[in-house]
Each structure stands twice: as structure tokens, then as C-alpha cells.
Protein backbone atom coordinates (compact mmCIF):
# COMPACT_ATOMS: atom_id res chain seq x y z
CA MET A 1 115.36 -60.50 -123.06
CA SER A 2 112.88 -61.70 -120.52
CA LYS A 3 114.76 -60.02 -117.76
CA LYS A 4 114.63 -56.60 -119.49
CA ARG A 5 110.87 -56.78 -120.07
CA HIS A 6 110.31 -57.58 -116.39
CA GLU A 7 112.28 -54.55 -115.29
CA HIS A 8 110.32 -52.26 -117.64
CA HIS A 9 107.01 -53.44 -116.10
CA GLU A 10 108.12 -52.60 -112.58
CA GLU A 11 108.93 -49.04 -113.63
CA HIS A 12 105.29 -48.37 -114.90
CA ALA A 13 103.38 -45.63 -112.90
CA ASP A 14 100.77 -46.78 -110.27
CA GLU A 15 97.23 -45.41 -111.18
CA SER A 16 95.23 -46.94 -108.25
CA TRP A 17 94.73 -43.47 -106.73
CA LEU A 18 92.21 -42.61 -109.47
CA LEU A 19 89.41 -44.70 -107.88
CA PRO A 20 89.16 -42.86 -104.53
CA TYR A 21 89.73 -39.56 -106.37
CA SER A 22 86.74 -40.18 -108.63
CA ASP A 23 84.59 -41.10 -105.61
CA LEU A 24 85.60 -37.87 -103.90
CA MET A 25 84.66 -35.83 -106.98
CA THR A 26 81.28 -37.54 -107.12
CA LEU A 27 80.59 -36.73 -103.47
CA LEU A 28 81.61 -33.11 -103.97
CA LEU A 29 79.29 -32.83 -106.97
CA ALA A 30 76.42 -34.25 -104.93
CA LEU A 31 77.16 -31.79 -102.12
CA PHE A 32 77.05 -28.80 -104.48
CA ILE A 33 73.78 -30.02 -105.98
CA VAL A 34 72.20 -30.28 -102.50
CA LEU A 35 73.47 -26.82 -101.54
CA TYR A 36 72.05 -25.33 -104.73
CA ALA A 37 68.70 -27.02 -104.20
CA ALA A 38 68.54 -25.70 -100.63
CA SER A 39 69.26 -22.15 -101.83
CA ALA A 40 66.49 -22.35 -104.46
CA VAL A 41 63.82 -23.96 -102.26
CA ASN A 42 60.22 -23.69 -103.46
CA THR A 43 58.41 -21.67 -100.78
CA SER A 44 54.97 -22.96 -101.80
CA LYS A 45 56.14 -26.55 -101.42
CA LEU A 46 57.67 -25.65 -98.07
CA GLU A 47 54.35 -24.18 -96.91
CA GLU A 48 52.52 -27.31 -98.01
CA MET A 49 54.98 -29.44 -96.09
CA SER A 50 54.54 -27.19 -93.03
CA LYS A 51 50.76 -27.55 -93.23
CA ALA A 52 51.14 -31.29 -93.57
CA PHE A 53 53.18 -31.39 -90.37
CA LYS A 54 50.64 -29.23 -88.52
CA THR A 55 47.73 -31.37 -89.66
CA ALA A 56 49.57 -34.54 -88.70
CA PHE A 57 50.33 -33.29 -85.20
CA ASN A 58 46.85 -31.80 -84.62
CA SER A 59 44.77 -34.66 -85.98
CA GLY A 60 46.88 -37.60 -84.90
CA ILE A 61 47.60 -38.67 -88.51
CA SER A 62 51.13 -39.92 -89.05
CA ILE A 63 53.35 -37.96 -91.39
CA PHE A 64 53.54 -40.97 -93.67
CA GLU A 65 49.76 -41.07 -94.01
CA GLN A 66 49.66 -37.32 -94.52
CA GLY A 67 52.21 -37.62 -97.26
CA ALA A 68 49.86 -39.93 -99.07
CA ILE A 69 47.16 -37.21 -99.33
CA THR A 70 46.79 -36.24 -102.96
CA GLU A 71 45.55 -33.11 -104.64
CA ASP A 72 42.29 -34.93 -105.33
CA ASP A 73 41.87 -35.50 -101.59
CA GLN A 74 42.42 -31.80 -100.96
CA MET A 75 39.92 -30.88 -103.65
CA ARG A 76 37.33 -33.22 -102.12
CA LYS A 77 37.95 -31.68 -98.72
CA ARG A 78 37.43 -28.16 -100.07
CA THR A 79 34.27 -29.32 -101.85
CA ASP A 80 32.93 -30.86 -98.64
CA GLU A 81 33.62 -27.66 -96.73
CA THR A 82 31.80 -25.65 -99.40
CA ASP A 83 28.82 -28.02 -99.24
CA GLU A 84 28.72 -27.68 -95.46
CA ARG A 85 28.63 -23.90 -95.75
CA LYS A 86 25.81 -24.16 -98.27
CA ASP A 87 23.88 -26.49 -95.95
CA ASP A 88 24.32 -24.05 -93.06
CA GLY A 89 23.13 -21.22 -95.29
CA ASN A 90 20.05 -23.19 -96.34
CA LYS A 91 19.28 -24.02 -92.71
CA ASN A 92 19.53 -20.35 -91.77
CA LYS A 93 17.22 -19.39 -94.64
CA SER A 94 14.77 -22.10 -93.64
CA ARG A 95 14.82 -20.93 -90.01
CA GLU A 96 14.22 -17.33 -91.07
CA ALA A 97 11.23 -18.43 -93.15
CA LEU A 98 9.82 -20.38 -90.19
CA MET A 99 10.32 -17.41 -87.90
CA GLN A 100 8.51 -15.13 -90.33
CA GLN A 101 5.64 -17.59 -90.62
CA GLU A 102 5.41 -17.88 -86.84
CA GLN A 103 5.36 -14.10 -86.49
CA GLN A 104 2.50 -13.90 -88.97
CA ASN A 105 0.59 -16.64 -87.12
CA LEU A 106 0.93 -14.97 -83.73
CA GLU A 107 0.03 -11.55 -85.12
CA GLN A 108 -3.10 -13.05 -86.73
CA LEU A 109 -4.05 -14.79 -83.48
CA GLN A 110 -3.58 -11.55 -81.55
CA LYS A 111 -5.86 -9.74 -84.02
CA GLU A 112 -8.56 -12.38 -83.56
CA LEU A 113 -8.29 -12.13 -79.77
CA ASP A 114 -8.39 -8.33 -79.81
CA LYS A 115 -11.41 -8.43 -82.12
CA TYR A 116 -13.20 -10.80 -79.73
CA ILE A 117 -12.28 -8.58 -76.76
CA GLY A 118 -13.62 -5.46 -78.47
CA LYS A 119 -16.77 -7.16 -79.76
CA ASN A 120 -17.70 -8.43 -76.29
CA GLY A 121 -16.70 -5.33 -74.35
CA LEU A 122 -13.94 -7.11 -72.43
CA SER A 123 -11.16 -4.53 -72.84
CA SER A 124 -11.10 -3.88 -69.07
CA GLN A 125 -10.81 -7.59 -68.31
CA LEU A 126 -8.57 -9.00 -71.04
CA ASP A 127 -5.37 -7.82 -72.64
CA THR A 128 -2.91 -9.24 -75.20
CA GLN A 129 0.79 -8.56 -75.67
CA LEU A 130 3.13 -9.98 -78.32
CA ASN A 131 6.84 -9.90 -77.50
CA HIS A 132 10.05 -11.68 -78.50
CA SER A 133 9.23 -14.91 -76.64
CA GLN A 134 5.45 -15.27 -76.49
CA LEU A 135 1.94 -14.06 -77.14
CA LEU A 136 0.60 -13.25 -73.68
CA ILE A 137 -3.13 -13.20 -72.85
CA THR A 138 -3.90 -11.60 -69.47
CA ILE A 139 -7.31 -12.24 -67.89
CA ARG A 140 -8.36 -10.38 -64.70
CA ASP A 141 -9.57 -12.69 -61.97
CA ASN A 142 -13.00 -11.00 -61.69
CA ALA A 143 -13.68 -12.11 -65.26
CA LEU A 144 -13.30 -15.76 -64.24
CA PHE A 145 -13.63 -16.40 -60.50
CA PRO A 146 -15.69 -15.32 -57.52
CA SER A 147 -13.66 -13.65 -54.79
CA GLY A 148 -11.46 -16.13 -52.93
CA SER A 149 -12.52 -19.01 -55.18
CA ALA A 150 -10.87 -21.06 -57.91
CA SER A 151 -14.13 -22.22 -59.50
CA ILE A 152 -14.66 -20.64 -62.90
CA LYS A 153 -17.97 -18.79 -63.19
CA PRO A 154 -20.45 -20.60 -65.47
CA ASP A 155 -20.77 -17.61 -67.79
CA SER A 156 -16.97 -17.23 -67.87
CA GLN A 157 -16.49 -20.75 -69.18
CA LYS A 158 -17.76 -19.42 -72.50
CA LEU A 159 -14.76 -17.04 -72.56
CA ALA A 160 -12.32 -19.90 -71.94
CA LYS A 161 -13.90 -21.99 -74.70
CA ALA A 162 -13.79 -19.04 -77.12
CA ILE A 163 -10.08 -18.62 -76.44
CA ALA A 164 -9.59 -22.35 -76.98
CA GLN A 165 -11.33 -22.17 -80.36
CA MET A 166 -8.97 -19.45 -81.51
CA LEU A 167 -5.91 -21.28 -80.18
CA GLN A 168 -6.81 -24.53 -81.95
CA GLN A 169 -6.16 -22.88 -85.32
CA TYR A 170 -2.47 -22.66 -84.46
CA PRO A 171 -1.36 -26.08 -83.16
CA GLY A 172 2.15 -27.04 -82.12
CA TYR A 173 2.77 -24.27 -79.61
CA GLU A 174 3.59 -24.76 -75.95
CA ILE A 175 0.83 -23.22 -73.81
CA LEU A 176 1.64 -22.11 -70.25
CA ILE A 177 -1.12 -21.00 -67.86
CA THR A 178 0.05 -19.01 -64.83
CA GLY A 179 -2.01 -17.99 -61.78
CA HIS A 180 -1.36 -14.76 -59.81
CA THR A 181 -2.94 -13.21 -56.71
CA ASP A 182 -2.59 -9.98 -54.75
CA ASN A 183 -0.79 -9.87 -51.40
CA GLN A 184 -3.91 -10.16 -49.26
CA PRO A 185 -3.45 -13.30 -47.14
CA ILE A 186 -5.89 -16.16 -47.48
CA LYS A 187 -6.15 -19.10 -45.12
CA THR A 188 -8.99 -21.54 -45.62
CA ALA A 189 -9.32 -25.31 -45.53
CA GLU A 190 -9.16 -25.35 -49.33
CA PHE A 191 -6.46 -22.66 -49.77
CA PRO A 192 -3.96 -22.38 -46.93
CA SER A 193 -2.16 -19.60 -48.83
CA ASN A 194 -2.13 -17.64 -52.08
CA TRP A 195 0.12 -20.31 -53.57
CA GLU A 196 -2.67 -22.87 -53.53
CA LEU A 197 -5.25 -20.35 -54.77
CA SER A 198 -3.17 -19.20 -57.74
CA SER A 199 -2.18 -22.78 -58.56
CA GLN A 200 -5.77 -24.09 -58.56
CA ARG A 201 -7.02 -21.18 -60.63
CA ALA A 202 -4.41 -21.83 -63.33
CA LEU A 203 -5.13 -25.55 -63.28
CA ASN A 204 -8.91 -25.09 -63.53
CA PHE A 205 -8.58 -22.69 -66.45
CA MET A 206 -6.27 -25.12 -68.24
CA LYS A 207 -8.81 -27.91 -67.78
CA ILE A 208 -11.48 -25.80 -69.51
CA LEU A 209 -9.13 -25.22 -72.45
CA LEU A 210 -8.38 -28.94 -72.69
CA GLU A 211 -12.06 -29.77 -73.03
CA ASN A 212 -11.39 -28.91 -76.67
CA GLY A 213 -10.53 -32.32 -78.11
CA LYS A 214 -8.31 -30.85 -80.83
CA PHE A 215 -5.58 -29.99 -78.33
CA ASP A 216 -2.67 -32.26 -77.43
CA PRO A 217 -2.35 -32.11 -73.62
CA LYS A 218 1.42 -32.63 -73.80
CA HIS A 219 1.73 -29.02 -75.01
CA PHE A 220 -0.03 -27.63 -71.92
CA SER A 221 1.25 -26.86 -68.43
CA SER A 222 0.20 -24.69 -65.50
CA THR A 223 2.12 -22.95 -62.75
CA ALA A 224 1.54 -20.62 -59.80
CA LYS A 225 3.24 -17.37 -58.82
CA GLY A 226 1.05 -16.43 -55.87
CA GLU A 227 1.50 -12.81 -54.87
CA TYR A 228 5.13 -12.61 -55.95
CA ARG A 229 4.83 -11.30 -59.53
CA PRO A 230 2.73 -8.13 -59.13
CA LEU A 231 2.17 -5.76 -62.03
CA GLN A 232 1.16 -2.88 -59.78
CA PRO A 233 1.83 -1.98 -56.13
CA ASN A 234 -0.53 -3.78 -53.77
CA ASP A 235 -1.21 -0.70 -51.65
CA THR A 236 -4.46 0.23 -53.47
CA ASP A 237 -7.60 -1.65 -54.44
CA ALA A 238 -6.97 -0.82 -58.11
CA GLY A 239 -3.41 -2.15 -57.92
CA ARG A 240 -4.50 -5.37 -56.21
CA ALA A 241 -7.22 -5.89 -58.82
CA VAL A 242 -4.62 -5.68 -61.60
CA ASN A 243 -2.38 -8.20 -59.85
CA ARG A 244 -5.12 -10.83 -59.49
CA ARG A 245 -5.00 -12.50 -62.89
CA VAL A 246 -4.51 -15.61 -65.01
CA GLU A 247 -2.02 -15.43 -67.86
CA VAL A 248 -2.03 -17.66 -70.94
CA SER A 249 1.37 -17.72 -72.68
CA ILE A 250 1.65 -19.04 -76.25
CA LEU A 251 5.40 -19.64 -76.44
CA ARG A 252 7.32 -19.12 -79.65
CA ASN A 253 9.03 -22.11 -81.24
CA TYR A 254 11.63 -19.89 -82.92
CA ILE A 255 13.41 -17.05 -81.20
CA GLU A 256 16.50 -15.01 -82.03
CA PRO A 257 19.86 -16.43 -80.86
CA ALA A 258 20.40 -13.15 -79.01
CA ASP A 259 17.34 -13.90 -76.92
CA ALA A 260 18.34 -17.48 -76.06
CA ASN A 261 21.09 -19.91 -76.88
CA SER A 262 18.56 -22.49 -77.93
CA ASN A 263 14.87 -23.12 -78.07
CA ASP A 264 14.89 -24.07 -74.40
CA ARG A 265 12.94 -21.48 -72.43
CA THR A 266 12.90 -21.39 -68.67
CA LEU A 267 9.91 -20.38 -66.60
CA SER A 268 11.97 -17.61 -65.03
CA ALA A 269 12.52 -16.00 -68.45
CA ILE A 270 8.80 -16.15 -69.21
CA ALA A 271 8.04 -14.75 -65.78
CA ASN A 272 10.28 -11.77 -66.51
CA ASP A 273 8.30 -11.09 -69.68
CA ASN A 274 5.06 -11.41 -67.76
CA LYS A 275 6.16 -8.73 -65.33
CA GLN A 276 5.99 -6.11 -68.07
CA PRO A 277 2.60 -4.32 -68.07
């Protein structure tokens, strides 16, 4: 009996092949799932992943850190960018308001100067011009100095003080005083050339202005152009008389970006404005 049962057991079919077969089926199922997922990829998610890679490479953030950025982080970033745009807009509005106020101030100052010029019969000796960079006051030399001298006439000091009184109402502007001569050579112990004459004339006029204690001297400067910035040809007496002058420039604090990249203004730019009659 025992021998027969043993023989029957040996004839039973071997089912060990089922284990690797089931593993193979599982792998095939996983493969088909991956292939299906790849064919139905979410384009929006792919774009987000692409942006994440770009940001990581451009900003130096590792892809693992980038992956940790949440939707809340993105919302905060967009909010910050919106706030920055608002701040820039407010700054632009504020600058425009300041520019408008400055324009009004300089126009009012020009009116006061022109009124003083007309009231005192000085239209042939003084002139004002308002342009994109400055309010320019031009004073002929015969209104201030004796011929060949840098000493301001006693009666002309009243003119300088009157101009100072009007200027003091509008503080905070840079004031540049520039001396000019004609091309007639001068050579004295005091003035070896027209450079020294034009320089001393500008300096002396500035000193009269600064006698007004309400001015801050740090806003004032003087320079000389000699005979090299004429308004008229120097071949006539009338032309030479126009070229001998002192100019007072009240420089704008706010100018259009098209006129300058910043508020920095060079003397050469101001000189170009001064060349215009």
C-alpha cells in the first residue's frame, strides 16, 4: 500500500512555473500602465516642470529645492511682483507731481524777474529764458562792471541783491554763475587773459548773492567760459557787447529721462543750453 501511494505522488504535475509567470505578468501590466500614462501626459504639468527646470538652472536653485516650491509660494511671488509694479507706479506719479510743482515754481520766478526787469527799465540789460534744464538769467556786463574790470558797480549791487531776494523764495536749487567775455584780448597784472576776467566776474557776482544769509552756499558754484561761448559773432561792437555777460542758471531738480539718464547734469550740457540766444 505504501509503495503505491509513493508512486502516485511522483506522478503529480510540477506547478513551480507559476511564480515566474505571475511576476512576468505583473511587469507587463506595469509597463502598459507607464506607456498609457506617457501617452496621456498633462501638458500643463509638463510646462510647470519645464519652468521649474529653467528657474533652477538660471537661479542656481537645485531641482530638489525647486520641487519644494508650493502654490502658496507662487502666489506670494506674484503678489510681490504686483506690489513692486504698484510701487513703481506710485513713484512715477510722485515724480510727475514734483516735476509739475517745479515747473510752476520756475515759471513764477521767471514772472517775478521779468516784472522787475520791466519795472526798472532793464530789458536791454537782462533777459530770462526757461528751458528743459534750467531757468537762465543773462546779465550784460555793462550792467554790472566797468570796462575791463571785475568789480561790481556800487549801484549794480542793488540788482544782484534784488535777484537774490527773488531766488531765496525757491530754495533747494543748484545755482551756477558763469562768466563770459568777448574775444578782445586782455593782458594786465590782474587779468592775464579773458579766462581770469570771466572767472573773477562770475565769482564776484556769486559773492554778492551769498551775502543773503538765507542761502546755503553748498548749492552755489561759479565757472568761466572766457571768449569761447559767444552768442553773436565778435566782428561788430554790438555782437561783442552781447557776448560780454554773466549768466545765472537755476538748475532743475527733475528733468525728463529723454533729456538725461539721471539727475546728474554736466557743465557741458548746461553750456550748450546757454549758447541758445
